[in-house]
Amino acid sequence: YVVDFLPKIKIEAVIPTELLENAIDAIL
């Protein structure tokens, strides 16, 4: 059988703009 949808995790965070680039780099 075909598994179309794969399990993932969605992370959401609201942060100050000055933390944005560091947060993106940390996730990457």
mmCIF file of all heavy atoms, coordinates in Angstrom:
data_MODEL
# 
_entry.id   MODEL 
# 
loop_
_atom_site.group_PDB 
_atom_site.id 
_atom_site.type_symbol 
_atom_site.label_atom_id 
_atom_site.label_alt_id 
_atom_site.label_comp_id 
_atom_site.label_asym_id 
_atom_site.label_entity_id 
_atom_site.label_seq_id 
_atom_site.pdbx_PDB_ins_code 
_atom_site.Cartn_x 
_atom_site.Cartn_y 
_atom_site.Cartn_z 
_atom_site.occupancy 
_atom_site.B_iso_or_equiv 
_atom_site.pdbx_formal_charge 
_atom_site.auth_seq_id 
_atom_site.auth_comp_id 
_atom_site.auth_asym_id 
_atom_site.auth_atom_id 
_atom_site.pdbx_PDB_model_num 
ATOM 1   N N   . TYR A 1 1  ? 0.840  -1.197 0.000  1.00 0.00 ? 1  TYR A N   1 
ATOM 2   C CA  . TYR A 1 1  ? 0.000  0.000  0.000  1.00 0.00 ? 1  TYR A CA  1 
ATOM 3   C C   . TYR A 1 1  ? 0.874  1.245  0.000  1.00 0.00 ? 1  TYR A C   1 
ATOM 4   O O   . TYR A 1 1  ? 2.025  1.210  0.387  1.00 0.00 ? 1  TYR A O   1 
ATOM 5   C CB  . TYR A 1 1  ? -0.981 0.005  1.173  1.00 0.00 ? 1  TYR A CB  1 
ATOM 6   C CG  . TYR A 1 1  ? -0.342 0.101  2.542  1.00 0.00 ? 1  TYR A CG  1 
ATOM 7   C CD1 . TYR A 1 1  ? -0.273 1.319  3.194  1.00 0.00 ? 1  TYR A CD1 1 
ATOM 8   C CD2 . TYR A 1 1  ? 0.179  -1.017 3.176  1.00 0.00 ? 1  TYR A CD2 1 
ATOM 9   C CE1 . TYR A 1 1  ? 0.303  1.422  4.445  1.00 0.00 ? 1  TYR A CE1 1 
ATOM 10  C CE2 . TYR A 1 1  ? 0.767  -0.925 4.421  1.00 0.00 ? 1  TYR A CE2 1 
ATOM 11  C CZ  . TYR A 1 1  ? 0.822  0.292  5.052  1.00 0.00 ? 1  TYR A CZ  1 
ATOM 12  O OH  . TYR A 1 1  ? 1.404  0.400  6.284  1.00 0.00 ? 1  TYR A OH  1 
ATOM 13  N N   . VAL A 1 2  ? 0.308  2.337  -0.471 1.00 0.00 ? 2  VAL A N   1 
ATOM 14  C CA  . VAL A 1 2  ? 1.041  3.589  -0.613 1.00 0.00 ? 2  VAL A CA  1 
ATOM 15  C C   . VAL A 1 2  ? 0.746  4.484  0.586  1.00 0.00 ? 2  VAL A C   1 
ATOM 16  O O   . VAL A 1 2  ? -0.412 4.674  0.964  1.00 0.00 ? 2  VAL A O   1 
ATOM 17  C CB  . VAL A 1 2  ? 0.634  4.313  -1.923 1.00 0.00 ? 2  VAL A CB  1 
ATOM 18  C CG1 . VAL A 1 2  ? 1.335  5.662  -2.026 1.00 0.00 ? 2  VAL A CG1 1 
ATOM 19  C CG2 . VAL A 1 2  ? 0.952  3.438  -3.123 1.00 0.00 ? 2  VAL A CG2 1 
ATOM 20  N N   . VAL A 1 3  ? 1.805  5.002  1.184  1.00 0.00 ? 3  VAL A N   1 
ATOM 21  C CA  . VAL A 1 3  ? 1.677  5.978  2.263  1.00 0.00 ? 3  VAL A CA  1 
ATOM 22  C C   . VAL A 1 3  ? 1.911  7.345  1.631  1.00 0.00 ? 3  VAL A C   1 
ATOM 23  O O   . VAL A 1 3  ? 3.038  7.692  1.285  1.00 0.00 ? 3  VAL A O   1 
ATOM 24  C CB  . VAL A 1 3  ? 2.701  5.706  3.382  1.00 0.00 ? 3  VAL A CB  1 
ATOM 25  C CG1 . VAL A 1 3  ? 2.594  6.767  4.469  1.00 0.00 ? 3  VAL A CG1 1 
ATOM 26  C CG2 . VAL A 1 3  ? 2.506  4.317  3.958  1.00 0.00 ? 3  VAL A CG2 1 
ATOM 27  N N   . ASP A 1 4  ? 0.822  8.091  1.414  1.00 0.00 ? 4  ASP A N   1 
ATOM 28  C CA  . ASP A 1 4  ? 0.932  9.396  0.760  1.00 0.00 ? 4  ASP A CA  1 
ATOM 29  C C   . ASP A 1 4  ? 1.438  10.483 1.690  1.00 0.00 ? 4  ASP A C   1 
ATOM 30  O O   . ASP A 1 4  ? 2.213  11.337 1.299  1.00 0.00 ? 4  ASP A O   1 
ATOM 31  C CB  . ASP A 1 4  ? -0.423 9.828  0.198  1.00 0.00 ? 4  ASP A CB  1 
ATOM 32  C CG  . ASP A 1 4  ? -0.840 8.986  -0.994 1.00 0.00 ? 4  ASP A CG  1 
ATOM 33  O OD1 . ASP A 1 4  ? 0.043  8.518  -1.727 1.00 0.00 ? 4  ASP A OD1 1 
ATOM 34  O OD2 . ASP A 1 4  ? -2.045 8.804  -1.188 1.00 0.00 ? 4  ASP A OD2 1 
ATOM 35  N N   . PHE A 1 5  ? 0.952  10.491 2.921  1.00 0.00 ? 5  PHE A N   1 
ATOM 36  C CA  . PHE A 1 5  ? 1.298  11.549 3.859  1.00 0.00 ? 5  PHE A CA  1 
ATOM 37  C C   . PHE A 1 5  ? 2.283  11.011 4.885  1.00 0.00 ? 5  PHE A C   1 
ATOM 38  O O   . PHE A 1 5  ? 2.006  10.037 5.563  1.00 0.00 ? 5  PHE A O   1 
ATOM 39  C CB  . PHE A 1 5  ? 0.040  12.083 4.550  1.00 0.00 ? 5  PHE A CB  1 
ATOM 40  C CG  . PHE A 1 5  ? -0.883 12.765 3.600  1.00 0.00 ? 5  PHE A CG  1 
ATOM 41  C CD1 . PHE A 1 5  ? -1.972 12.102 3.071  1.00 0.00 ? 5  PHE A CD1 1 
ATOM 42  C CD2 . PHE A 1 5  ? -0.660 14.073 3.226  1.00 0.00 ? 5  PHE A CD2 1 
ATOM 43  C CE1 . PHE A 1 5  ? -2.829 12.723 2.186  1.00 0.00 ? 5  PHE A CE1 1 
ATOM 44  C CE2 . PHE A 1 5  ? -1.505 14.716 2.331  1.00 0.00 ? 5  PHE A CE2 1 
ATOM 45  C CZ  . PHE A 1 5  ? -2.589 14.043 1.822  1.00 0.00 ? 5  PHE A CZ  1 
ATOM 46  N N   . LEU A 1 6  ? 3.421  11.678 4.986  1.00 0.00 ? 6  LEU A N   1 
ATOM 47  C CA  . LEU A 1 6  ? 4.470  11.259 5.900  1.00 0.00 ? 6  LEU A CA  1 
ATOM 48  C C   . LEU A 1 6  ? 4.411  12.064 7.193  1.00 0.00 ? 6  LEU A C   1 
ATOM 49  O O   . LEU A 1 6  ? 4.074  13.248 7.177  1.00 0.00 ? 6  LEU A O   1 
ATOM 50  C CB  . LEU A 1 6  ? 5.833  11.451 5.236  1.00 0.00 ? 6  LEU A CB  1 
ATOM 51  C CG  . LEU A 1 6  ? 6.012  10.670 3.931  1.00 0.00 ? 6  LEU A CG  1 
ATOM 52  C CD1 . LEU A 1 6  ? 7.293  11.088 3.241  1.00 0.00 ? 6  LEU A CD1 1 
ATOM 53  C CD2 . LEU A 1 6  ? 6.011  9.185  4.204  1.00 0.00 ? 6  LEU A CD2 1 
ATOM 54  N N   . PRO A 1 7  ? 4.747  11.442 8.324  1.00 0.00 ? 7  PRO A N   1 
ATOM 55  C CA  . PRO A 1 7  ? 4.718  12.168 9.596  1.00 0.00 ? 7  PRO A CA  1 
ATOM 56  C C   . PRO A 1 7  ? 5.815  13.231 9.648  1.00 0.00 ? 7  PRO A C   1 
ATOM 57  O O   . PRO A 1 7  ? 6.961  12.973 9.276  1.00 0.00 ? 7  PRO A O   1 
ATOM 58  C CB  . PRO A 1 7  ? 4.941  11.082 10.643 1.00 0.00 ? 7  PRO A CB  1 
ATOM 59  C CG  . PRO A 1 7  ? 5.570  9.954  9.915  1.00 0.00 ? 7  PRO A CG  1 
ATOM 60  C CD  . PRO A 1 7  ? 5.132  10.052 8.490  1.00 0.00 ? 7  PRO A CD  1 
ATOM 61  N N   . LYS A 1 8  ? 5.443  14.403 10.100 1.00 0.00 ? 8  LYS A N   1 
ATOM 62  C CA  . LYS A 1 8  ? 6.373  15.523 10.255 1.00 0.00 ? 8  LYS A CA  1 
ATOM 63  C C   . LYS A 1 8  ? 6.055  16.230 11.569 1.00 0.00 ? 8  LYS A C   1 
ATOM 64  O O   . LYS A 1 8  ? 5.037  15.973 12.194 1.00 0.00 ? 8  LYS A O   1 
ATOM 65  C CB  . LYS A 1 8  ? 6.231  16.534 9.111  1.00 0.00 ? 8  LYS A CB  1 
ATOM 66  C CG  . LYS A 1 8  ? 6.497  15.975 7.725  1.00 0.00 ? 8  LYS A CG  1 
ATOM 67  C CD  . LYS A 1 8  ? 7.952  15.708 7.513  1.00 0.00 ? 8  LYS A CD  1 
ATOM 68  C CE  . LYS A 1 8  ? 8.182  15.208 6.086  1.00 0.00 ? 8  LYS A CE  1 
ATOM 69  N NZ  . LYS A 1 8  ? 9.590  14.948 5.854  1.00 0.00 ? 8  LYS A NZ  1 
ATOM 70  N N   . ILE A 1 9  ? 6.905  17.154 11.956 1.00 0.00 ? 9  ILE A N   1 
ATOM 71  C CA  . ILE A 1 9  ? 6.687  18.007 13.120 1.00 0.00 ? 9  ILE A CA  1 
ATOM 72  C C   . ILE A 1 9  ? 6.670  19.450 12.642 1.00 0.00 ? 9  ILE A C   1 
ATOM 73  O O   . ILE A 1 9  ? 7.532  19.864 11.857 1.00 0.00 ? 9  ILE A O   1 
ATOM 74  C CB  . ILE A 1 9  ? 7.815  17.833 14.161 1.00 0.00 ? 9  ILE A CB  1 
ATOM 75  C CG1 . ILE A 1 9  ? 7.809  16.432 14.747 1.00 0.00 ? 9  ILE A CG1 1 
ATOM 76  C CG2 . ILE A 1 9  ? 7.715  18.886 15.260 1.00 0.00 ? 9  ILE A CG2 1 
ATOM 77  C CD1 . ILE A 1 9  ? 6.647  16.118 15.649 1.00 0.00 ? 9  ILE A CD1 1 
ATOM 78  N N   . LYS A 1 10 ? 5.681  20.204 13.108 1.00 0.00 ? 10 LYS A N   1 
ATOM 79  C CA  . LYS A 1 10 ? 5.602  21.634 12.777 1.00 0.00 ? 10 LYS A CA  1 
ATOM 80  C C   . LYS A 1 10 ? 5.912  22.423 14.046 1.00 0.00 ? 10 LYS A C   1 
ATOM 81  O O   . LYS A 1 10 ? 5.268  22.233 15.074 1.00 0.00 ? 10 LYS A O   1 
ATOM 82  C CB  . LYS A 1 10 ? 4.218  21.981 12.262 1.00 0.00 ? 10 LYS A CB  1 
ATOM 83  C CG  . LYS A 1 10 ? 4.057  23.429 11.880 1.00 0.00 ? 10 LYS A CG  1 
ATOM 84  C CD  . LYS A 1 10 ? 2.659  23.650 11.324 1.00 0.00 ? 10 LYS A CD  1 
ATOM 85  C CE  . LYS A 1 10 ? 2.360  25.082 11.040 1.00 0.00 ? 10 LYS A CE  1 
ATOM 86  N NZ  . LYS A 1 10 ? 0.986  25.262 10.551 1.00 0.00 ? 10 LYS A NZ  1 
ATOM 87  N N   . ILE A 1 11 ? 6.907  23.286 13.939 1.00 0.00 ? 11 ILE A N   1 
ATOM 88  C CA  . ILE A 1 11 ? 7.311  24.144 15.052 1.00 0.00 ? 11 ILE A CA  1 
ATOM 89  C C   . ILE A 1 11 ? 6.921  25.570 14.706 1.00 0.00 ? 11 ILE A C   1 
ATOM 90  O O   . ILE A 1 11 ? 7.187  26.043 13.600 1.00 0.00 ? 11 ILE A O   1 
ATOM 91  C CB  . ILE A 1 11 ? 8.835  24.075 15.266 1.00 0.00 ? 11 ILE A CB  1 
ATOM 92  C CG1 . ILE A 1 11 ? 9.243  22.655 15.642 1.00 0.00 ? 11 ILE A CG1 1 
ATOM 93  C CG2 . ILE A 1 11 ? 9.281  25.069 16.318 1.00 0.00 ? 11 ILE A CG2 1 
ATOM 94  C CD1 . ILE A 1 11 ? 10.735 22.461 15.654 1.00 0.00 ? 11 ILE A CD1 1 
ATOM 95  N N   . GLU A 1 12 ? 6.283  26.247 15.653 1.00 0.00 ? 12 GLU A N   1 
ATOM 96  C CA  . GLU A 1 12 ? 5.902  27.649 15.453 1.00 0.00 ? 12 GLU A CA  1 
ATOM 97  C C   . GLU A 1 12 ? 6.478  28.478 16.594 1.00 0.00 ? 12 GLU A C   1 
ATOM 98  O O   . GLU A 1 12 ? 6.423  28.066 17.752 1.00 0.00 ? 12 GLU A O   1 
ATOM 99  C CB  . GLU A 1 12 ? 4.385  27.801 15.446 1.00 0.00 ? 12 GLU A CB  1 
ATOM 100 C CG  . GLU A 1 12 ? 3.711  27.040 14.329 1.00 0.00 ? 12 GLU A CG  1 
ATOM 101 C CD  . GLU A 1 12 ? 2.199  27.080 14.445 1.00 0.00 ? 12 GLU A CD  1 
ATOM 102 O OE1 . GLU A 1 12 ? 1.601  28.041 13.934 1.00 0.00 ? 12 GLU A OE1 1 
ATOM 103 O OE2 . GLU A 1 12 ? 1.644  26.159 15.065 1.00 0.00 ? 12 GLU A OE2 1 
ATOM 104 N N   . ALA A 1 13 ? 7.017  29.643 16.254 1.00 0.00 ? 13 ALA A N   1 
ATOM 105 C CA  . ALA A 1 13 ? 7.545  30.557 17.260 1.00 0.00 ? 13 ALA A CA  1 
ATOM 106 C C   . ALA A 1 13 ? 7.375  31.982 16.775 1.00 0.00 ? 13 ALA A C   1 
ATOM 107 O O   . ALA A 1 13 ? 7.640  32.276 15.608 1.00 0.00 ? 13 ALA A O   1 
ATOM 108 C CB  . ALA A 1 13 ? 9.017  30.270 17.527 1.00 0.00 ? 13 ALA A CB  1 
ATOM 109 N N   . VAL A 1 14 ? 6.925  32.854 17.662 1.00 0.00 ? 14 VAL A N   1 
ATOM 110 C CA  . VAL A 1 14 ? 6.869  34.287 17.369 1.00 0.00 ? 14 VAL A CA  1 
ATOM 111 C C   . VAL A 1 14 ? 8.030  34.921 18.114 1.00 0.00 ? 14 VAL A C   1 
ATOM 112 O O   . VAL A 1 14 ? 8.175  34.748 19.324 1.00 0.00 ? 14 VAL A O   1 
ATOM 113 C CB  . VAL A 1 14 ? 5.522  34.899 17.796 1.00 0.00 ? 14 VAL A CB  1 
ATOM 114 C CG1 . VAL A 1 14 ? 5.517  36.402 17.542 1.00 0.00 ? 14 VAL A CG1 1 
ATOM 115 C CG2 . VAL A 1 14 ? 4.380  34.229 17.049 1.00 0.00 ? 14 VAL A CG2 1 
ATOM 116 N N   . ILE A 1 15 ? 8.873  35.638 17.362 1.00 0.00 ? 15 ILE A N   1 
ATOM 117 C CA  . ILE A 1 15 ? 10.118 36.148 17.925 1.00 0.00 ? 15 ILE A CA  1 
ATOM 118 C C   . ILE A 1 15 ? 10.324 37.605 17.535 1.00 0.00 ? 15 ILE A C   1 
ATOM 119 O O   . ILE A 1 15 ? 9.752  38.078 16.562 1.00 0.00 ? 15 ILE A O   1 
ATOM 120 C CB  . ILE A 1 15 ? 11.322 35.310 17.437 1.00 0.00 ? 15 ILE A CB  1 
ATOM 121 C CG1 . ILE A 1 15 ? 11.441 35.369 15.914 1.00 0.00 ? 15 ILE A CG1 1 
ATOM 122 C CG2 . ILE A 1 15 ? 11.209 33.868 17.909 1.00 0.00 ? 15 ILE A CG2 1 
ATOM 123 C CD1 . ILE A 1 15 ? 12.697 34.740 15.366 1.00 0.00 ? 15 ILE A CD1 1 
ATOM 124 N N   . PRO A 1 16 ? 11.165 38.308 18.286 1.00 0.00 ? 16 PRO A N   1 
ATOM 125 C CA  . PRO A 1 16 ? 11.538 39.665 17.862 1.00 0.00 ? 16 PRO A CA  1 
ATOM 126 C C   . PRO A 1 16 ? 12.305 39.609 16.541 1.00 0.00 ? 16 PRO A C   1 
ATOM 127 O O   . PRO A 1 16 ? 13.041 38.653 16.278 1.00 0.00 ? 16 PRO A O   1 
ATOM 128 C CB  . PRO A 1 16 ? 12.459 40.154 18.989 1.00 0.00 ? 16 PRO A CB  1 
ATOM 129 C CG  . PRO A 1 16 ? 12.173 39.267 20.150 1.00 0.00 ? 16 PRO A CG  1 
ATOM 130 C CD  . PRO A 1 16 ? 11.739 37.962 19.574 1.00 0.00 ? 16 PRO A CD  1 
ATOM 131 N N   . THR A 1 17 ? 12.139 40.618 15.713 1.00 0.00 ? 17 THR A N   1 
ATOM 132 C CA  . THR A 1 17 ? 12.757 40.644 14.385 1.00 0.00 ? 17 THR A CA  1 
ATOM 133 C C   . THR A 1 17 ? 14.271 40.481 14.447 1.00 0.00 ? 17 THR A C   1 
ATOM 134 O O   . THR A 1 17 ? 14.865 39.821 13.594 1.00 0.00 ? 17 THR A O   1 
ATOM 135 C CB  . THR A 1 17 ? 12.387 41.951 13.659 1.00 0.00 ? 17 THR A CB  1 
ATOM 136 O OG1 . THR A 1 17 ? 10.963 42.049 13.607 1.00 0.00 ? 17 THR A OG1 1 
ATOM 137 C CG2 . THR A 1 17 ? 12.933 41.979 12.249 1.00 0.00 ? 17 THR A CG2 1 
ATOM 138 N N   . GLU A 1 18 ? 14.908 41.021 15.486 1.00 0.00 ? 18 GLU A N   1 
ATOM 139 C CA  . GLU A 1 18 ? 16.373 40.931 15.564 1.00 0.00 ? 18 GLU A CA  1 
ATOM 140 C C   . GLU A 1 18 ? 16.885 39.506 15.798 1.00 0.00 ? 18 GLU A C   1 
ATOM 141 O O   . GLU A 1 18 ? 18.050 39.216 15.556 1.00 0.00 ? 18 GLU A O   1 
ATOM 142 C CB  . GLU A 1 18 ? 16.945 41.893 16.622 1.00 0.00 ? 18 GLU A CB  1 
ATOM 143 C CG  . GLU A 1 18 ? 16.389 41.727 18.008 1.00 0.00 ? 18 GLU A CG  1 
ATOM 144 C CD  . GLU A 1 18 ? 15.156 42.581 18.288 1.00 0.00 ? 18 GLU A CD  1 
ATOM 145 O OE1 . GLU A 1 18 ? 14.611 43.188 17.351 1.00 0.00 ? 18 GLU A OE1 1 
ATOM 146 O OE2 . GLU A 1 18 ? 14.746 42.624 19.459 1.00 0.00 ? 18 GLU A OE2 1 
ATOM 147 N N   . LEU A 1 19 ? 16.033 38.596 16.243 1.00 0.00 ? 19 LEU A N   1 
ATOM 148 C CA  . LEU A 1 19 ? 16.428 37.191 16.421 1.00 0.00 ? 19 LEU A CA  1 
ATOM 149 C C   . LEU A 1 19 ? 16.211 36.340 15.170 1.00 0.00 ? 19 LEU A C   1 
ATOM 150 O O   . LEU A 1 19 ? 16.613 35.178 15.133 1.00 0.00 ? 19 LEU A O   1 
ATOM 151 C CB  . LEU A 1 19 ? 15.638 36.550 17.562 1.00 0.00 ? 19 LEU A CB  1 
ATOM 152 C CG  . LEU A 1 19 ? 15.997 36.916 18.986 1.00 0.00 ? 19 LEU A CG  1 
ATOM 153 C CD1 . LEU A 1 19 ? 15.118 36.149 19.961 1.00 0.00 ? 19 LEU A CD1 1 
ATOM 154 C CD2 . LEU A 1 19 ? 17.454 36.634 19.264 1.00 0.00 ? 19 LEU A CD2 1 
ATOM 155 N N   . LEU A 1 20 ? 15.576 36.907 14.146 1.00 0.00 ? 20 LEU A N   1 
ATOM 156 C CA  . LEU A 1 20 ? 15.134 36.122 12.991 1.00 0.00 ? 20 LEU A CA  1 
ATOM 157 C C   . LEU A 1 20 ? 16.255 35.350 12.308 1.00 0.00 ? 20 LEU A C   1 
ATOM 158 O O   . LEU A 1 20 ? 16.160 34.139 12.126 1.00 0.00 ? 20 LEU A O   1 
ATOM 159 C CB  . LEU A 1 20 ? 14.412 37.016 11.981 1.00 0.00 ? 20 LEU A CB  1 
ATOM 160 C CG  . LEU A 1 20 ? 13.889 36.295 10.743 1.00 0.00 ? 20 LEU A CG  1 
ATOM 161 C CD1 . LEU A 1 20 ? 12.838 35.269 11.124 1.00 0.00 ? 20 LEU A CD1 1 
ATOM 162 C CD2 . LEU A 1 20 ? 13.334 37.294 9.744  1.00 0.00 ? 20 LEU A CD2 1 
ATOM 163 N N   . GLU A 1 21 ? 17.315 36.031 11.902 1.00 0.00 ? 21 GLU A N   1 
ATOM 164 C CA  . GLU A 1 21 ? 18.389 35.364 11.151 1.00 0.00 ? 21 GLU A CA  1 
ATOM 165 C C   . GLU A 1 21 ? 19.064 34.264 11.974 1.00 0.00 ? 21 GLU A C   1 
ATOM 166 O O   . GLU A 1 21 ? 19.357 33.179 11.469 1.00 0.00 ? 21 GLU A O   1 
ATOM 167 C CB  . GLU A 1 21 ? 19.406 36.370 10.640 1.00 0.00 ? 21 GLU A CB  1 
ATOM 168 C CG  . GLU A 1 21 ? 18.869 37.281 9.559  1.00 0.00 ? 21 GLU A CG  1 
ATOM 169 C CD  . GLU A 1 21 ? 18.251 36.535 8.381  1.00 0.00 ? 21 GLU A CD  1 
ATOM 170 O OE1 . GLU A 1 21 ? 18.847 35.545 7.909  1.00 0.00 ? 21 GLU A OE1 1 
ATOM 171 O OE2 . GLU A 1 21 ? 17.161 36.935 7.939  1.00 0.00 ? 21 GLU A OE2 1 
ATOM 172 N N   . ASN A 1 22 ? 19.295 34.540 13.264 1.00 0.00 ? 22 ASN A N   1 
ATOM 173 C CA  . ASN A 1 22 ? 19.908 33.525 14.129 1.00 0.00 ? 22 ASN A CA  1 
ATOM 174 C C   . ASN A 1 22 ? 18.995 32.317 14.293 1.00 0.00 ? 22 ASN A C   1 
ATOM 175 O O   . ASN A 1 22 ? 19.464 31.179 14.328 1.00 0.00 ? 22 ASN A O   1 
ATOM 176 C CB  . ASN A 1 22 ? 20.241 34.101 15.498 1.00 0.00 ? 22 ASN A CB  1 
ATOM 177 C CG  . ASN A 1 22 ? 21.399 35.079 15.443 1.00 0.00 ? 22 ASN A CG  1 
ATOM 178 O OD1 . ASN A 1 22 ? 22.205 35.045 14.521 1.00 0.00 ? 22 ASN A OD1 1 
ATOM 179 N ND2 . ASN A 1 22 ? 21.485 35.949 16.424 1.00 0.00 ? 22 ASN A ND2 1 
ATOM 180 N N   . ALA A 1 23 ? 17.690 32.558 14.395 1.00 0.00 ? 23 ALA A N   1 
ATOM 181 C CA  . ALA A 1 23 ? 16.738 31.456 14.543 1.00 0.00 ? 23 ALA A CA  1 
ATOM 182 C C   . ALA A 1 23 ? 16.678 30.612 13.275 1.00 0.00 ? 23 ALA A C   1 
ATOM 183 O O   . ALA A 1 23 ? 16.660 29.373 13.337 1.00 0.00 ? 23 ALA A O   1 
ATOM 184 C CB  . ALA A 1 23 ? 15.355 31.996 14.898 1.00 0.00 ? 23 ALA A CB  1 
ATOM 185 N N   . ILE A 1 24 ? 16.676 31.263 12.126 1.00 0.00 ? 24 ILE A N   1 
ATOM 186 C CA  . ILE A 1 24 ? 16.654 30.529 10.857 1.00 0.00 ? 24 ILE A CA  1 
ATOM 187 C C   . ILE A 1 24 ? 17.921 29.684 10.723 1.00 0.00 ? 24 ILE A C   1 
ATOM 188 O O   . ILE A 1 24 ? 17.867 28.499 10.373 1.00 0.00 ? 24 ILE A O   1 
ATOM 189 C CB  . ILE A 1 24 ? 16.506 31.496 9.661  1.00 0.00 ? 24 ILE A CB  1 
ATOM 190 C CG1 . ILE A 1 24 ? 15.093 32.074 9.644  1.00 0.00 ? 24 ILE A CG1 1 
ATOM 191 C CG2 . ILE A 1 24 ? 16.803 30.779 8.349  1.00 0.00 ? 24 ILE A CG2 1 
ATOM 192 C CD1 . ILE A 1 24 ? 14.893 33.171 8.610  1.00 0.00 ? 24 ILE A CD1 1 
ATOM 193 N N   . ASP A 1 25 ? 19.074 30.258 11.030 1.00 0.00 ? 25 ASP A N   1 
ATOM 194 C CA  . ASP A 1 25 ? 20.334 29.517 10.958 1.00 0.00 ? 25 ASP A CA  1 
ATOM 195 C C   . ASP A 1 25 ? 20.328 28.329 11.918 1.00 0.00 ? 25 ASP A C   1 
ATOM 196 O O   . ASP A 1 25 ? 20.799 27.242 11.573 1.00 0.00 ? 25 ASP A O   1 
ATOM 197 C CB  . ASP A 1 25 ? 21.527 30.425 11.276 1.00 0.00 ? 25 ASP A CB  1 
ATOM 198 C CG  . ASP A 1 25 ? 21.831 31.404 10.159 1.00 0.00 ? 25 ASP A CG  1 
ATOM 199 O OD1 . ASP A 1 25 ? 21.371 31.171 9.015  1.00 0.00 ? 25 ASP A OD1 1 
ATOM 200 O OD2 . ASP A 1 25 ? 22.522 32.405 10.432 1.00 0.00 ? 25 ASP A OD2 1 
ATOM 201 N N   . ALA A 1 26 ? 19.788 28.533 13.113 1.00 0.00 ? 26 ALA A N   1 
ATOM 202 C CA  . ALA A 1 26 ? 19.729 27.444 14.099 1.00 0.00 ? 26 ALA A CA  1 
ATOM 203 C C   . ALA A 1 26 ? 18.882 26.289 13.581 1.00 0.00 ? 26 ALA A C   1 
ATOM 204 O O   . ALA A 1 26 ? 19.250 25.116 13.727 1.00 0.00 ? 26 ALA A O   1 
ATOM 205 C CB  . ALA A 1 26 ? 19.178 27.970 15.426 1.00 0.00 ? 26 ALA A CB  1 
ATOM 206 N N   . ILE A 1 27 ? 17.740 26.605 12.975 1.00 0.00 ? 27 ILE A N   1 
ATOM 207 C CA  . ILE A 1 27 ? 16.872 25.551 12.432 1.00 0.00 ? 27 ILE A CA  1 
ATOM 208 C C   . ILE A 1 27 ? 17.565 24.853 11.264 1.00 0.00 ? 27 ILE A C   1 
ATOM 209 O O   . ILE A 1 27 ? 17.562 23.619 11.180 1.00 0.00 ? 27 ILE A O   1 
ATOM 210 C CB  . ILE A 1 27 ? 15.510 26.122 11.999 1.00 0.00 ? 27 ILE A CB  1 
ATOM 211 C CG1 . ILE A 1 27 ? 14.738 26.652 13.208 1.00 0.00 ? 27 ILE A CG1 1 
ATOM 212 C CG2 . ILE A 1 27 ? 14.679 25.050 11.282 1.00 0.00 ? 27 ILE A CG2 1 
ATOM 213 C CD1 . ILE A 1 27 ? 13.517 27.469 12.856 1.00 0.00 ? 27 ILE A CD1 1 
ATOM 214 N N   . LEU A 1 28 ? 18.150 25.635 10.360 1.00 0.00 ? 28 LEU A N   1 
ATOM 215 C CA  . LEU A 1 28 ? 18.833 25.049 9.201  1.00 0.00 ? 28 LEU A CA  1 
ATOM 216 C C   . LEU A 1 28 ? 19.916 24.057 9.620  1.00 0.00 ? 28 LEU A C   1 
ATOM 217 O O   . LEU A 1 28 ? 20.000 22.945 9.099  1.00 0.00 ? 28 LEU A O   1 
ATOM 218 C CB  . LEU A 1 28 ? 19.462 26.140 8.338  1.00 0.00 ? 28 LEU A CB  1 
ATOM 219 C CG  . LEU A 1 28 ? 18.530 26.935 7.437  1.00 0.00 ? 28 LEU A CG  1 
ATOM 220 C CD1 . LEU A 1 28 ? 19.278 28.082 6.779  1.00 0.00 ? 28 LEU A CD1 1 
ATOM 221 C CD2 . LEU A 1 28 ? 17.910 26.034 6.390  1.00 0.00 ? 28 LEU A CD2 1 
# 
